[in-house]
Protein backbone atom coordinates (compact mmCIF):
# COMPACT_ATOMS: atom_id res chain seq x y z
CA UNK A 1 58.78 -10.16 41.32
CA UNK A 2 55.72 -9.54 43.50
CA UNK A 3 54.79 -7.56 46.59
CA UNK A 4 55.92 -10.37 48.89
CA UNK A 5 59.41 -10.16 47.37
CA UNK A 6 59.46 -6.38 47.78
CA UNK A 7 58.45 -6.79 51.42
CA UNK A 8 61.26 -9.31 51.90
CA UNK A 9 63.78 -6.96 50.26
CA UNK A 10 62.65 -4.15 52.57
CA UNK A 11 62.96 -6.42 55.60
CA UNK A 12 66.42 -7.63 54.54
CA UNK A 13 67.48 -4.01 54.06
CA UNK A 14 66.71 -3.29 57.72
CA UNK A 15 69.88 -5.20 58.58
CA UNK A 16 71.74 -2.06 57.46
CA UNK A 17 70.37 0.28 60.17
CA UNK A 18 70.59 -2.57 62.69
CA UNK A 19 74.36 -3.00 62.21
CA UNK A 20 74.95 0.76 61.91
CA UNK A 21 73.12 1.67 65.14
CA UNK A 22 76.09 1.19 67.54
CA UNK A 23 78.05 4.41 66.92
CA UNK A 24 81.30 2.96 68.23
CA UNK A 25 81.40 0.53 65.31
CA UNK A 26 81.35 3.32 62.67
CA UNK A 27 79.77 0.98 60.10
CA UNK A 28 77.96 2.34 57.01
CA UNK A 29 74.31 1.41 56.61
CA UNK A 30 75.04 -0.12 53.20
CA UNK A 31 77.23 -2.82 54.77
CA UNK A 32 74.28 -4.53 56.45
CA UNK A 33 72.23 -4.27 53.26
CA UNK A 34 75.00 -5.97 51.30
CA UNK A 35 75.31 -8.72 53.91
CA UNK A 36 71.55 -9.25 53.91
CA UNK A 37 71.58 -9.61 50.13
CA UNK A 38 74.39 -12.15 50.35
CA UNK A 39 72.44 -14.23 52.90
CA UNK A 40 69.24 -14.32 50.84
CA UNK A 41 70.80 -14.28 47.37
CA UNK A 42 73.18 -16.36 45.27
CA UNK A 43 75.69 -16.92 48.07
CA UNK A 44 73.14 -18.07 50.63
CA UNK A 45 69.51 -19.13 50.65
CA UNK A 46 68.87 -18.24 46.97
CA UNK A 47 65.48 -16.75 47.89
CA UNK A 48 66.16 -13.52 46.01
CA UNK A 49 66.83 -13.86 42.28
CA UNK A 50 69.11 -11.00 41.10
CA UNK A 51 68.53 -11.96 37.44
CA UNK A 52 64.83 -11.09 37.69
CA UNK A 53 64.29 -8.28 35.10
CA UNK A 54 62.08 -6.20 37.42
CA UNK A 55 64.51 -6.56 40.32
CA UNK A 56 67.40 -5.60 38.04
CA UNK A 57 65.60 -2.54 36.66
CA UNK A 58 64.64 -1.29 40.14
CA UNK A 59 68.26 -1.86 41.20
CA UNK A 60 69.43 0.26 38.24
CA UNK A 61 67.16 3.08 39.45
CA UNK A 62 68.66 2.66 42.91
CA UNK A 63 72.19 2.70 41.47
CA UNK A 64 71.51 5.98 39.65
CA UNK A 65 69.99 7.53 42.78
CA UNK A 66 72.82 6.31 45.03
CA UNK A 67 75.39 7.89 42.70
CA UNK A 68 73.26 11.06 42.51
CA UNK A 69 73.27 11.38 46.30
CA UNK A 70 77.01 10.51 46.42
CA UNK A 71 77.75 13.27 43.91
CA UNK A 72 75.67 15.76 45.87
CA UNK A 73 77.79 14.94 48.96
CA UNK A 74 81.01 16.08 47.27
CA UNK A 75 81.60 19.53 48.84
CA UNK A 76 82.46 21.30 45.57
CA UNK A 77 80.61 24.45 46.59
CA UNK A 78 82.03 24.80 50.09
CA UNK A 79 84.05 28.04 50.20
CA UNK A 80 85.97 26.81 53.25
CA UNK A 81 87.67 24.20 51.08
CA UNK A 82 89.17 26.61 48.54
CA UNK A 83 92.37 27.32 50.54
CA UNK A 84 92.81 23.56 50.94
CA UNK A 85 92.36 22.70 47.26
CA UNK A 86 96.06 22.82 46.32
CA UNK A 87 96.99 20.48 49.16
CA UNK A 88 94.09 18.22 48.20
CA UNK A 89 95.24 18.06 44.58
CA UNK A 90 98.84 17.24 45.61
CA UNK A 91 97.73 14.49 47.98
CA UNK A 92 95.26 13.01 45.50
CA UNK A 93 98.03 12.94 42.89
CA UNK A 94 100.42 11.19 45.29
CA UNK A 95 97.78 8.58 46.05
CA UNK A 96 97.08 8.13 42.33
CA UNK A 97 100.75 7.50 41.47
CA UNK A 98 101.16 4.99 44.30
CA UNK A 99 97.85 3.28 43.46
CA UNK A 100 98.84 2.93 39.79
CA UNK A 101 102.09 1.20 40.75
CA UNK A 102 100.31 -1.09 43.21
CA UNK A 103 97.64 -1.85 40.59
CA UNK A 104 100.30 -3.16 38.20
CA UNK A 105 101.86 -5.31 40.92
CA UNK A 106 98.55 -6.77 42.13
CA UNK A 107 97.26 -7.48 38.61
CA UNK A 108 100.53 -9.23 37.75
CA UNK A 109 100.61 -11.20 41.01
CA UNK A 110 97.04 -12.49 40.63
CA UNK A 111 97.16 -12.75 36.84
CA UNK A 112 93.95 -10.81 36.16
CA UNK A 113 95.16 -8.19 33.68
CA UNK A 114 93.11 -5.46 35.39
CA UNK A 115 95.96 -3.18 36.45
CA UNK A 116 94.23 0.05 35.39
CA UNK A 117 90.99 -0.92 37.12
CA UNK A 118 92.80 -1.78 40.35
CA UNK A 119 94.72 1.49 40.23
CA UNK A 120 91.50 3.51 39.95
CA UNK A 121 89.89 1.49 42.74
CA UNK A 122 92.79 2.01 45.16
CA UNK A 123 93.09 5.71 44.29
CA UNK A 124 89.41 6.37 44.93
CA UNK A 125 87.78 7.70 48.07
CA UNK A 126 84.14 7.87 49.11
CA UNK A 127 82.79 11.29 50.05
CA UNK A 128 79.51 9.58 50.94
CA UNK A 129 81.36 7.65 53.68
CA UNK A 130 83.99 10.17 54.77
CA UNK A 131 81.75 13.23 55.20
CA UNK A 132 79.25 11.52 57.53
CA UNK A 133 82.20 10.15 59.56
CA UNK A 134 83.69 13.66 59.85
CA UNK A 135 80.31 15.06 60.87
CA UNK A 136 79.51 12.37 63.44
CA UNK A 137 82.95 12.72 65.08
CA UNK A 138 82.81 16.55 64.79
CA UNK A 139 86.25 16.68 63.18
CA UNK A 140 87.56 19.97 61.82
CA UNK A 141 90.53 22.21 61.21
CA UNK A 142 92.90 22.77 58.25
CA UNK A 143 94.14 19.17 58.10
CA UNK A 144 90.60 17.80 57.97
CA UNK A 145 89.54 20.33 55.31
CA UNK A 146 92.54 19.40 53.17
CA UNK A 147 91.61 15.72 53.51
CA UNK A 148 88.01 16.48 52.49
CA UNK A 149 89.27 18.37 49.42
CA UNK A 150 91.46 15.37 48.53
CA UNK A 151 88.50 13.00 48.90
CA UNK A 152 86.25 15.16 46.73
CA UNK A 153 88.85 15.36 43.96
CA UNK A 154 89.62 11.63 44.05
CA UNK A 155 85.95 10.68 44.17
CA UNK A 156 85.14 12.77 41.11
CA UNK A 157 88.14 11.75 39.00
CA UNK A 158 87.81 8.04 39.75
CA UNK A 159 84.07 7.91 39.00
CA UNK A 160 84.74 9.52 35.61
CA UNK A 161 87.72 7.21 34.96
CA UNK A 162 86.00 3.95 35.94
CA UNK A 163 84.01 3.43 32.69
CA UNK A 164 87.23 3.96 30.73
CA UNK A 165 89.35 1.40 32.58
CA UNK A 166 86.89 -1.37 33.34
CA UNK A 167 86.52 -2.27 29.65
CA UNK A 168 89.79 -1.25 27.91
CA UNK A 169 88.70 -2.82 24.61
CA UNK A 170 85.97 -0.18 24.29
CA UNK A 171 87.75 2.67 26.07
CA UNK A 172 87.48 4.96 23.04
CA UNK A 173 83.73 4.51 22.78
CA UNK A 174 83.41 4.90 26.54
CA UNK A 175 85.37 8.16 26.41
CA UNK A 176 83.11 9.63 23.71
CA UNK A 177 79.98 8.44 25.51
CA UNK A 178 81.23 9.84 28.81
CA UNK A 179 81.97 13.16 27.14
CA UNK A 180 78.42 13.24 25.74
CA UNK A 181 76.88 12.59 29.17
CA UNK A 182 79.15 15.13 30.86
CA UNK A 183 78.26 17.72 28.19
CA UNK A 184 74.58 17.14 28.97
CA UNK A 185 75.36 17.55 32.68
CA UNK A 186 77.12 20.85 31.93
CA UNK A 187 74.09 22.13 30.01
CA UNK A 188 71.79 21.14 32.88
CA UNK A 189 74.10 22.91 35.35
CA UNK A 190 74.02 26.13 33.31
CA UNK A 191 70.22 26.02 33.08
CA UNK A 192 69.83 25.31 36.80
CA UNK A 193 72.32 28.07 37.64
CA UNK A 194 70.32 30.52 35.51
CA UNK A 195 67.12 29.62 37.35
CA UNK A 196 68.93 30.00 40.67
CA UNK A 197 70.39 33.42 39.84
CA UNK A 198 67.13 34.73 38.36
CA UNK A 199 65.17 33.70 41.44
CA UNK A 200 62.90 31.37 39.45
CA UNK A 201 64.02 28.39 41.51
CA UNK A 202 63.04 30.12 44.77
CA UNK A 203 59.61 31.02 43.39
CA UNK A 204 59.13 27.43 42.28
CA UNK A 205 60.24 26.25 45.71
CA UNK A 206 57.73 28.47 47.51
CA UNK A 207 54.90 27.34 45.23
CA UNK A 208 55.85 23.69 45.63
CA UNK A 209 56.12 23.96 49.41
CA UNK A 210 52.83 25.88 49.76
CA UNK A 211 50.85 23.59 47.44
CA UNK A 212 52.75 20.39 48.36
CA UNK A 213 53.58 19.65 44.73
CA UNK A 214 57.14 18.29 45.33
CA UNK A 215 58.13 19.97 42.07
CA UNK A 216 61.86 20.08 42.82
CA UNK A 217 61.95 16.36 43.46
CA UNK A 218 59.93 15.64 40.33
CA UNK A 219 62.19 17.79 38.17
CA UNK A 220 65.34 16.26 39.69
CA UNK A 221 64.07 12.76 38.95
CA UNK A 222 63.12 13.73 35.39
CA UNK A 223 66.62 15.09 34.81
CA UNK A 224 68.22 12.03 36.40
CA UNK A 225 66.19 9.53 34.39
CA UNK A 226 66.74 11.53 31.21
CA UNK A 227 70.51 11.48 31.76
CA UNK A 228 70.34 7.77 32.60
CA UNK A 229 68.48 7.15 29.34
CA UNK A 230 71.18 9.08 27.46
CA UNK A 231 73.87 7.05 29.24
CA UNK A 232 72.21 3.77 28.30
CA UNK A 233 71.69 4.91 24.70
CA UNK A 234 75.38 5.82 24.44
CA UNK A 235 76.49 2.58 26.14
CA UNK A 236 77.91 4.12 29.31
CA UNK A 237 76.95 3.33 32.90
CA UNK A 238 74.20 5.23 34.70
CA UNK A 239 76.75 5.85 37.46
CA UNK A 240 78.19 8.75 35.44
CA UNK A 241 74.73 10.23 34.86
CA UNK A 242 73.83 10.04 38.54
CA UNK A 243 77.15 11.26 39.89
CA UNK A 244 77.40 14.07 37.33
CA UNK A 245 73.94 15.40 38.12
CA UNK A 246 74.74 15.16 41.84
CA UNK A 247 77.85 17.31 41.31
CA UNK A 248 75.81 19.87 39.36
CA UNK A 249 73.26 20.10 42.17
CA UNK A 250 76.07 20.32 44.76
CA UNK A 251 77.67 23.24 42.87
CA UNK A 252 74.41 25.18 43.03
CA UNK A 253 73.50 24.04 46.54
CA UNK A 254 70.36 21.94 46.96
CA UNK A 255 67.65 23.32 49.25
CA UNK A 256 67.12 21.38 52.46
CA UNK A 257 63.65 20.28 51.38
CA UNK A 258 64.97 18.66 48.18
CA UNK A 259 67.81 17.05 50.15
CA UNK A 260 65.30 15.53 52.57
CA UNK A 261 63.10 14.30 49.72
CA UNK A 262 66.05 12.71 47.90
CA UNK A 263 67.16 11.12 51.16
CA UNK A 264 63.69 9.65 51.69
CA UNK A 265 63.39 8.26 48.15
CA UNK A 266 66.94 6.89 48.04
CA UNK A 267 67.64 5.74 51.57
CA UNK A 268 64.07 4.67 52.26
CA UNK A 269 63.64 2.33 49.30
CA UNK A 270 65.74 2.42 46.14
CA UNK A 271 69.17 2.58 47.84
CA UNK A 272 68.59 -0.43 50.13
CA UNK A 273 67.02 -2.31 47.20
CA UNK A 274 70.13 -1.70 45.09
CA UNK A 275 72.56 -2.85 47.77
CA UNK A 276 70.43 -5.91 48.58
CA UNK A 277 70.42 -6.71 44.83
CA UNK A 278 74.19 -6.25 44.65
CA UNK A 279 74.72 -8.50 47.67
CA UNK A 280 72.38 -11.08 46.15
CA UNK A 281 74.38 -10.93 42.89
CA UNK A 282 77.72 -11.63 44.53
CA UNK A 283 78.73 -15.28 44.56
CA UNK A 284 80.76 -15.71 47.74
CA UNK A 285 80.80 -19.45 47.20
CA UNK A 286 83.09 -18.78 44.27
CA UNK A 287 85.61 -17.41 46.77
CA UNK A 288 85.82 -20.91 48.21
CA UNK A 289 86.41 -22.33 44.74
CA UNK A 290 88.88 -19.53 43.97
CA UNK A 291 90.61 -18.82 47.31
CA UNK A 292 93.14 -16.59 45.59
CA UNK A 293 90.33 -14.06 45.15
CA UNK A 294 90.16 -13.65 48.92
CA UNK A 295 93.80 -12.65 48.76
CA UNK A 296 92.99 -10.32 45.87
CA UNK A 297 90.34 -8.55 47.92
CA UNK A 298 92.67 -8.22 50.90
CA UNK A 299 95.46 -6.95 48.64
CA UNK A 300 93.21 -4.32 47.07
CA UNK A 301 92.01 -3.13 50.47
CA UNK A 302 95.48 -3.00 52.01
CA UNK A 303 96.86 -1.44 48.81
CA UNK A 304 94.28 1.34 49.03
CA UNK A 305 95.22 2.01 52.65
CA UNK A 306 98.95 2.03 51.85
CA UNK A 307 98.43 4.36 48.87
CA UNK A 308 96.52 6.84 51.05
CA UNK A 309 99.09 6.67 53.84
CA UNK A 310 101.66 7.96 51.34
CA UNK A 311 100.13 11.40 51.92
CA UNK A 312 102.13 11.41 55.15
CA UNK A 313 105.07 12.72 53.11
CA UNK A 314 102.90 15.75 52.24
CA UNK A 315 102.21 16.47 55.90
CA UNK A 316 98.92 14.62 56.31
CA UNK A 317 98.47 12.82 59.65
CA UNK A 318 98.19 9.04 59.48
CA UNK A 319 94.60 9.32 60.76
CA UNK A 320 93.67 11.47 57.74
CA UNK A 321 95.22 8.92 55.38
CA UNK A 322 93.16 6.15 56.98
CA UNK A 323 89.99 8.23 56.79
CA UNK A 324 90.55 9.15 53.14
CA UNK A 325 91.09 5.50 52.17
CA UNK A 326 87.38 4.72 52.71
CA UNK A 327 85.87 3.28 49.53
CA UNK A 328 82.42 2.12 48.59
CA UNK A 329 80.90 3.87 45.57
CA UNK A 330 83.66 3.07 43.05
CA UNK A 331 84.18 -0.60 44.10
CA UNK A 332 80.40 -1.11 44.17
CA UNK A 333 80.12 0.48 40.73
CA UNK A 334 82.96 -1.68 39.41
CA UNK A 335 81.37 -4.84 40.83
CA UNK A 336 78.00 -3.84 39.39
CA UNK A 337 79.36 -3.06 35.92
CA UNK A 338 81.60 -6.12 35.92
CA UNK A 339 78.64 -8.33 36.85
CA UNK A 340 76.26 -6.78 34.30
CA UNK A 341 78.75 -6.83 31.43
CA UNK A 342 80.55 -10.07 32.31
CA UNK A 343 83.93 -8.34 32.33
CA UNK A 344 85.28 -9.78 35.59
CA UNK A 345 86.42 -13.31 36.32
CA UNK A 346 84.52 -15.60 38.75
CA UNK A 347 84.55 -14.27 42.34
CA UNK A 348 86.34 -11.07 41.25
CA UNK A 349 83.28 -8.83 41.96
CA UNK A 350 83.11 -10.30 45.47
CA UNK A 351 86.84 -9.61 45.87
CA UNK A 352 86.28 -5.93 45.06
CA UNK A 353 83.70 -5.71 47.84
CA UNK A 354 86.07 -7.49 50.25
CA UNK A 355 88.65 -4.81 49.45
CA UNK A 356 86.10 -2.07 50.15
CA UNK A 357 85.30 -3.63 53.54
CA UNK A 358 89.01 -3.49 54.47
CA UNK A 359 89.07 0.25 53.72
CA UNK A 360 85.87 0.83 55.74
CA UNK A 361 87.57 -0.77 58.74
CA UNK A 362 90.62 1.48 58.18
CA UNK A 363 88.34 4.52 57.97
CA UNK A 364 86.75 3.66 61.33
CA UNK A 365 90.21 3.37 62.90
CA UNK A 366 91.32 6.65 61.33
CA UNK A 367 88.26 8.53 62.56
CA UNK A 368 88.76 7.29 66.12
CA UNK A 369 92.47 8.21 65.97
CA UNK A 370 91.68 11.71 64.66
CA UNK A 371 89.19 12.29 67.47
CA UNK A 372 91.72 11.15 70.07
CA UNK A 373 94.34 13.44 68.51
CA UNK A 374 92.06 16.43 68.99
CA UNK A 375 91.42 17.20 65.30
CA UNK A 376 88.01 18.61 66.21
CA UNK A 377 85.93 21.44 64.79
CA UNK A 378 85.57 24.58 66.92
CA UNK A 379 82.53 24.48 69.18
CA UNK A 380 80.88 27.33 67.28
CA UNK A 381 81.18 25.43 63.97
CA UNK A 382 77.92 23.49 63.95
CA UNK A 383 77.76 22.99 60.21
CA UNK A 384 79.36 19.97 58.68
CA UNK A 385 81.52 20.47 55.58
CA UNK A 386 79.31 20.39 52.54
CA UNK A 387 76.11 20.90 54.53
CA UNK A 388 73.18 22.35 52.60
CA UNK A 389 72.15 25.92 53.21
CA UNK A 390 68.53 26.56 53.99
CA UNK A 391 66.61 28.34 51.26
């Protein structure tokens, strides 16, 4: 890899903002980045080589940062969600039961043997997609808060479960490794909470802001890379390290300055690079050779939507079920892990992304339906759920 390749990756990544600019489309920025990677990678022009060690390592950094930011978007510290937690748990459980049954059916129908993986995929939601959609449409009210609680619960549980189900032969080792990483996250949370309560974090913030040291960003990256190193040493994905640290930061409440810095580092370079790498890694030509995988992707996407619409029996509007079905982080993580470890069959990683695209379309429809139904936040409520407080 050289600077010309990095420039090309950056230029390809601009397809993300280009496709996401029309607000009426409600498309995530990452979609364009994935498409750009597909065009210039294995499926298209073969200009970008995803097997390049430097490209792969930079993509791993991007993967960890993307999961870190996704974890920090889960509104675990939002007091407004506490009354809605019970309803969120019930709805997430209903979705999980339905997704598990559909996972068995889809795995049997397509003969893949990945029933548990499909169940986790269809039960998952993406807080990183749903929360921005809620904010941009200015949705609010008890039904929306309950849906956000459901998404946060599902997002967290499915990210933790993914390493256990993607490689059943090593599930025991994955469980122990995951427990080790989560224990390290818990220790980091306790230390960060102590610094927050004692006021040391605020003093550090003032010094960093006055002297332009970016100390909070540096410390966050040190912790993230340290956890990623522990994850790699214990043979578990960096997704758990990134997402776990993001949850810890979300529980404490990141200052706006750190949030902006993380946004700049992730969304400005490493995030687009990761999604371009992932798109370049996907072999869409294999879908032509294995057309049943197109059906698999469609089945996973529609199955996820159906599983989330089951929450209608618990009183959730159909629009909330469509919104909550949005998936990206878990399918992307599954495709990434499956590609890196060789655990998925040909074209299966591409099928997982096809399924995610189906749910993104459903999410856009659900958001528009919720806005038309008047599920809007009060005019005085200018803060989006999970928004950072200024420090």
